[in-house]
Amino acid sequence: MKTIAPKKNGNGKELFDAKSFLESSGVTRKTVDFVRKATIFAQGAPAKSVMYILQGGVKISVVNGVGKEAVVAMLGPGDFFGEGALAGQSVRIGMATAVTPTTVLMVDRDEMMKLLHGNHEFSDGFISYMLTRNIRIEADLVDQLFNSTEKRLARALLLLAQYGKDDLHQRVLPKVSQETLAETIGTTRSRVNLFMNKFKKLGFITYNGGIQVNSSLLSVVLHD
């Protein structure tokens, strides 16, 4: 396996370049394209692989016995999902849906386990990624319990824009419906529409072939 030169962010910190590892490791994998709203895996389906988003966006959700859907996470390029297969899950406990045209790298569960056991650099990066995501999930829970709808929406948009991952001050999101945003933050579409209009009026977001999220939106999250 060839050596991967570490990538660095604007602060000089090394980044976990999972894509390069997966492409150079020799593990069996396949790249699959999904159209918008396509089901990547269904709730209750066999958990046989781990997936990595190359481009696009993925919604992870859970549906209860009466058909009510709750959005667990919104993921984008550079995110793993379906990792429950590595922890003994025999079936998917949620469903994954493409929220925009999406390309996913799929790695068989056994192949992923071999890579994690055989490459310490990759396993260290993967563990660091999963811990960081768990911290984000905890923050999401606190957000849902204590913050206003306006703050929750602002934070969701910043996360979808991957704010803080690079030096960009603006990021255009792929098409994400207001219904999906409402499901993500636990509110109604009308409330999302109200605050999206407010954010647009204040210059926090603009519409330019998608939702352009400006760094000034961070002021909504930080404001007490």
Protein backbone atom coordinates (compact mmCIF):
# COMPACT_ATOMS: atom_id res chain seq x y z
CA MET A 1 0.00 0.00 0.00
CA LYS A 2 1.44 3.37 -0.96
CA THR A 3 2.12 6.07 1.61
CA ILE A 4 -0.46 8.84 1.81
CA ALA A 5 0.88 12.36 2.22
CA PRO A 6 -1.14 13.99 5.01
CA LYS A 7 -3.42 16.86 4.05
CA LYS A 8 -3.62 19.92 6.25
CA ASN A 9 -6.28 22.54 6.90
CA GLY A 10 -5.75 26.30 6.96
CA ASN A 11 -4.34 26.10 10.50
CA GLY A 12 -1.72 23.54 9.53
CA LYS A 13 -3.49 20.70 11.32
CA GLU A 14 -3.41 17.32 9.58
CA LEU A 15 -6.75 16.08 8.23
CA PHE A 16 -7.98 12.50 8.15
CA ASP A 17 -8.01 11.76 4.42
CA ALA A 18 -10.27 8.70 4.49
CA LYS A 19 -10.92 8.80 0.74
CA SER A 20 -7.22 8.38 -0.11
CA PHE A 21 -6.84 5.54 2.37
CA LEU A 22 -9.88 3.70 1.03
CA GLU A 23 -8.79 4.14 -2.59
CA SER A 24 -5.18 3.04 -2.01
CA SER A 25 -5.63 0.28 0.58
CA GLY A 26 -6.59 -2.47 -1.84
CA VAL A 27 -9.86 -3.21 -0.04
CA THR A 28 -12.80 -4.33 -2.14
CA ARG A 29 -15.16 -1.41 -2.61
CA LYS A 30 -17.64 0.00 -5.08
CA THR A 31 -18.87 3.46 -5.96
CA VAL A 32 -22.63 3.92 -6.28
CA ASP A 33 -24.59 6.95 -7.48
CA PHE A 34 -28.01 7.78 -6.02
CA VAL A 35 -30.57 10.24 -7.33
CA ARG A 36 -32.28 12.69 -4.98
CA LYS A 37 -34.73 10.99 -2.57
CA ALA A 38 -33.35 7.52 -3.37
CA THR A 39 -33.17 5.04 -0.48
CA ILE A 40 -29.55 4.03 0.16
CA PHE A 41 -30.56 1.47 2.74
CA ALA A 42 -33.88 0.76 4.42
CA GLN A 43 -34.64 0.39 8.11
CA GLY A 44 -34.42 -3.30 8.96
CA ALA A 45 -32.21 -4.17 5.96
CA PRO A 46 -29.14 -6.38 6.54
CA ALA A 47 -26.13 -4.37 7.77
CA LYS A 48 -23.34 -5.67 5.58
CA SER A 49 -21.30 -2.60 4.64
CA VAL A 50 -19.92 0.75 5.75
CA MET A 51 -20.40 3.77 3.49
CA TYR A 52 -18.46 6.97 2.82
CA ILE A 53 -19.96 10.01 1.12
CA LEU A 54 -17.88 11.26 -1.81
CA GLN A 55 -20.36 13.96 -2.84
CA GLY A 56 -23.94 14.97 -2.10
CA GLY A 57 -25.89 14.61 1.13
CA VAL A 58 -27.51 11.84 3.15
CA LYS A 59 -30.35 11.91 5.67
CA ILE A 60 -30.36 9.29 8.42
CA SER A 61 -33.81 8.80 9.90
CA VAL A 62 -35.89 6.39 11.95
CA VAL A 63 -39.57 5.56 11.39
CA ASN A 64 -41.76 4.36 14.26
CA GLY A 65 -44.60 1.85 14.17
CA VAL A 66 -47.19 4.40 13.05
CA GLY A 67 -45.04 5.80 10.25
CA LYS A 68 -43.74 8.95 11.95
CA GLU A 69 -40.22 9.82 10.79
CA ALA A 70 -37.52 11.42 12.94
CA VAL A 71 -34.31 12.71 11.35
CA VAL A 72 -31.26 11.54 13.30
CA ALA A 73 -28.51 13.17 11.24
CA MET A 74 -27.76 15.07 8.05
CA LEU A 75 -24.40 14.06 6.56
CA GLY A 76 -22.25 15.37 3.74
CA PRO A 77 -19.01 14.72 1.81
CA GLY A 78 -16.33 13.16 4.00
CA ASP A 79 -18.82 11.52 6.38
CA PHE A 80 -19.14 7.80 7.10
CA PHE A 81 -22.47 6.14 7.79
CA GLY A 82 -23.72 2.61 8.29
CA GLU A 83 -20.85 2.03 10.75
CA GLY A 84 -23.22 0.12 13.04
CA ALA A 85 -22.30 -2.90 10.93
CA LEU A 86 -18.89 -2.81 12.64
CA ALA A 87 -20.46 -2.94 16.10
CA GLY A 88 -22.45 -6.12 15.68
CA GLN A 89 -25.65 -4.70 14.21
CA SER A 90 -27.13 -7.38 11.99
CA VAL A 91 -29.82 -5.05 10.56
CA ARG A 92 -30.07 -1.30 10.01
CA ILE A 93 -31.80 0.48 12.88
CA GLY A 94 -32.56 3.47 10.65
CA MET A 95 -32.82 4.36 6.98
CA ALA A 96 -30.48 6.40 4.78
CA THR A 97 -31.86 8.64 2.02
CA ALA A 98 -30.07 10.80 -0.53
CA VAL A 99 -31.21 14.42 -0.11
CA THR A 100 -29.44 15.48 -3.32
CA PRO A 101 -27.69 13.53 -6.12
CA THR A 102 -25.15 11.59 -4.09
CA THR A 103 -22.11 9.40 -4.71
CA VAL A 104 -21.21 6.85 -2.04
CA LEU A 105 -18.21 4.59 -1.61
CA MET A 106 -19.34 1.25 -0.18
CA VAL A 107 -16.94 -1.03 1.70
CA ASP A 108 -17.89 -4.53 2.80
CA ARG A 109 -18.00 -4.91 6.60
CA ASP A 110 -15.28 -7.61 6.66
CA GLU A 111 -13.04 -5.57 4.36
CA MET A 112 -13.44 -2.53 6.61
CA MET A 113 -12.56 -4.59 9.67
CA LYS A 114 -9.37 -5.82 7.96
CA LEU A 115 -8.39 -2.25 7.13
CA LEU A 116 -9.03 -1.04 10.68
CA HIS A 117 -7.01 -3.90 12.17
CA GLY A 118 -4.19 -3.71 9.62
CA ASN A 119 -3.62 0.04 9.32
CA HIS A 120 -3.11 1.94 12.57
CA GLU A 121 -3.08 5.34 10.88
CA PHE A 122 -6.47 4.69 9.30
CA SER A 123 -7.96 3.20 12.49
CA ASP A 124 -6.71 6.17 14.56
CA GLY A 125 -8.29 8.60 12.08
CA PHE A 126 -11.54 6.64 11.95
CA ILE A 127 -11.83 6.49 15.75
CA SER A 128 -11.11 10.23 15.98
CA TYR A 129 -13.81 10.88 13.36
CA MET A 130 -16.39 8.77 15.21
CA LEU A 131 -15.63 10.43 18.56
CA THR A 132 -15.98 13.85 16.96
CA ARG A 133 -19.32 12.85 15.47
CA ASN A 134 -20.54 11.52 18.81
CA ILE A 135 -19.71 14.88 20.37
CA ARG A 136 -21.75 16.52 17.63
CA ILE A 137 -24.69 14.19 18.30
CA GLU A 138 -24.57 15.11 22.00
CA ALA A 139 -24.54 18.79 21.01
CA ASP A 140 -27.53 18.12 18.74
CA LEU A 141 -29.44 16.68 21.71
CA VAL A 142 -28.64 19.71 23.87
CA ASP A 143 -29.66 21.91 20.95
CA GLN A 144 -33.04 20.17 20.69
CA LEU A 145 -33.67 20.36 24.46
CA PHE A 146 -32.64 23.91 25.24
CA ASN A 147 -32.32 26.13 22.17
CA SER A 148 -34.96 28.08 20.27
CA THR A 149 -36.18 27.06 16.82
CA GLU A 150 -34.23 29.96 15.31
CA LYS A 151 -30.95 28.81 16.87
CA ARG A 152 -31.57 25.18 15.94
CA LEU A 153 -32.18 26.14 12.31
CA ALA A 154 -29.10 28.37 12.16
CA ARG A 155 -26.94 25.60 13.63
CA ALA A 156 -28.36 23.01 11.23
CA LEU A 157 -27.56 25.23 8.23
CA LEU A 158 -24.01 25.84 9.46
CA LEU A 159 -23.46 22.11 9.98
CA LEU A 160 -24.81 21.30 6.52
CA ALA A 161 -22.44 23.94 5.12
CA GLN A 162 -19.62 22.18 7.00
CA TYR A 163 -18.73 25.48 8.65
CA GLY A 164 -15.28 25.38 10.25
CA LYS A 165 -13.90 22.57 8.09
CA ASP A 166 -11.99 24.97 5.86
CA ASP A 167 -11.29 28.66 5.36
CA LEU A 168 -14.34 29.37 3.24
CA HIS A 169 -16.63 32.10 4.59
CA GLN A 170 -19.51 31.09 2.34
CA ARG A 171 -20.83 27.73 1.19
CA VAL A 172 -23.65 26.89 -1.20
CA LEU A 173 -25.67 23.93 0.03
CA PRO A 174 -27.21 21.38 -2.28
CA LYS A 175 -30.99 21.56 -2.48
CA VAL A 176 -32.47 20.74 0.91
CA SER A 177 -36.22 21.08 1.30
CA GLN A 178 -37.79 23.06 4.12
CA GLU A 179 -39.65 19.88 5.08
CA THR A 180 -36.32 18.11 5.62
CA LEU A 181 -34.96 21.02 7.64
CA ALA A 182 -38.12 20.99 9.76
CA GLU A 183 -37.75 17.26 10.43
CA THR A 184 -34.09 17.75 11.30
CA ILE A 185 -34.67 20.37 13.99
CA GLY A 186 -38.05 19.14 15.23
CA THR A 187 -40.40 21.89 14.11
CA THR A 188 -42.91 22.72 11.36
CA ARG A 189 -42.25 23.80 7.80
CA SER A 190 -44.03 27.11 8.43
CA ARG A 191 -41.60 27.94 11.25
CA VAL A 192 -38.63 27.06 9.05
CA ASN A 193 -40.03 29.26 6.27
CA LEU A 194 -40.46 32.14 8.73
CA PHE A 195 -36.86 32.06 9.92
CA MET A 196 -35.39 31.35 6.47
CA ASN A 197 -37.06 34.54 5.26
CA LYS A 198 -35.66 36.37 8.28
CA PHE A 199 -32.14 35.04 7.66
CA LYS A 200 -32.39 36.08 4.01
CA LYS A 201 -33.55 39.60 4.92
CA LEU A 202 -30.63 39.99 7.35
CA GLY A 203 -28.12 38.75 4.77
CA PHE A 204 -27.22 35.59 6.68
CA ILE A 205 -28.22 33.44 3.70
CA THR A 206 -28.81 34.06 0.00
CA TYR A 207 -30.38 31.96 -2.73
CA ASN A 208 -28.07 31.41 -5.68
CA GLY A 209 -28.73 28.02 -7.26
CA GLY A 210 -28.96 26.71 -3.73
CA ILE A 211 -28.75 28.10 -0.21
CA GLN A 212 -25.60 30.14 0.28
CA VAL A 213 -24.73 30.19 3.98
CA ASN A 214 -22.71 33.19 5.10
CA SER A 215 -20.46 33.10 8.16
CA SER A 216 -22.53 35.92 9.69
CA LEU A 217 -25.22 33.31 10.45
CA LEU A 218 -22.98 32.18 13.30
CA SER A 219 -24.11 35.27 15.23
CA VAL A 220 -27.57 33.70 15.65
CA VAL A 221 -26.05 30.63 17.32
CA LEU A 222 -23.76 32.65 19.59
CA HIS A 223 -26.37 35.19 20.60
CA ASP A 224 -27.85 34.63 24.07
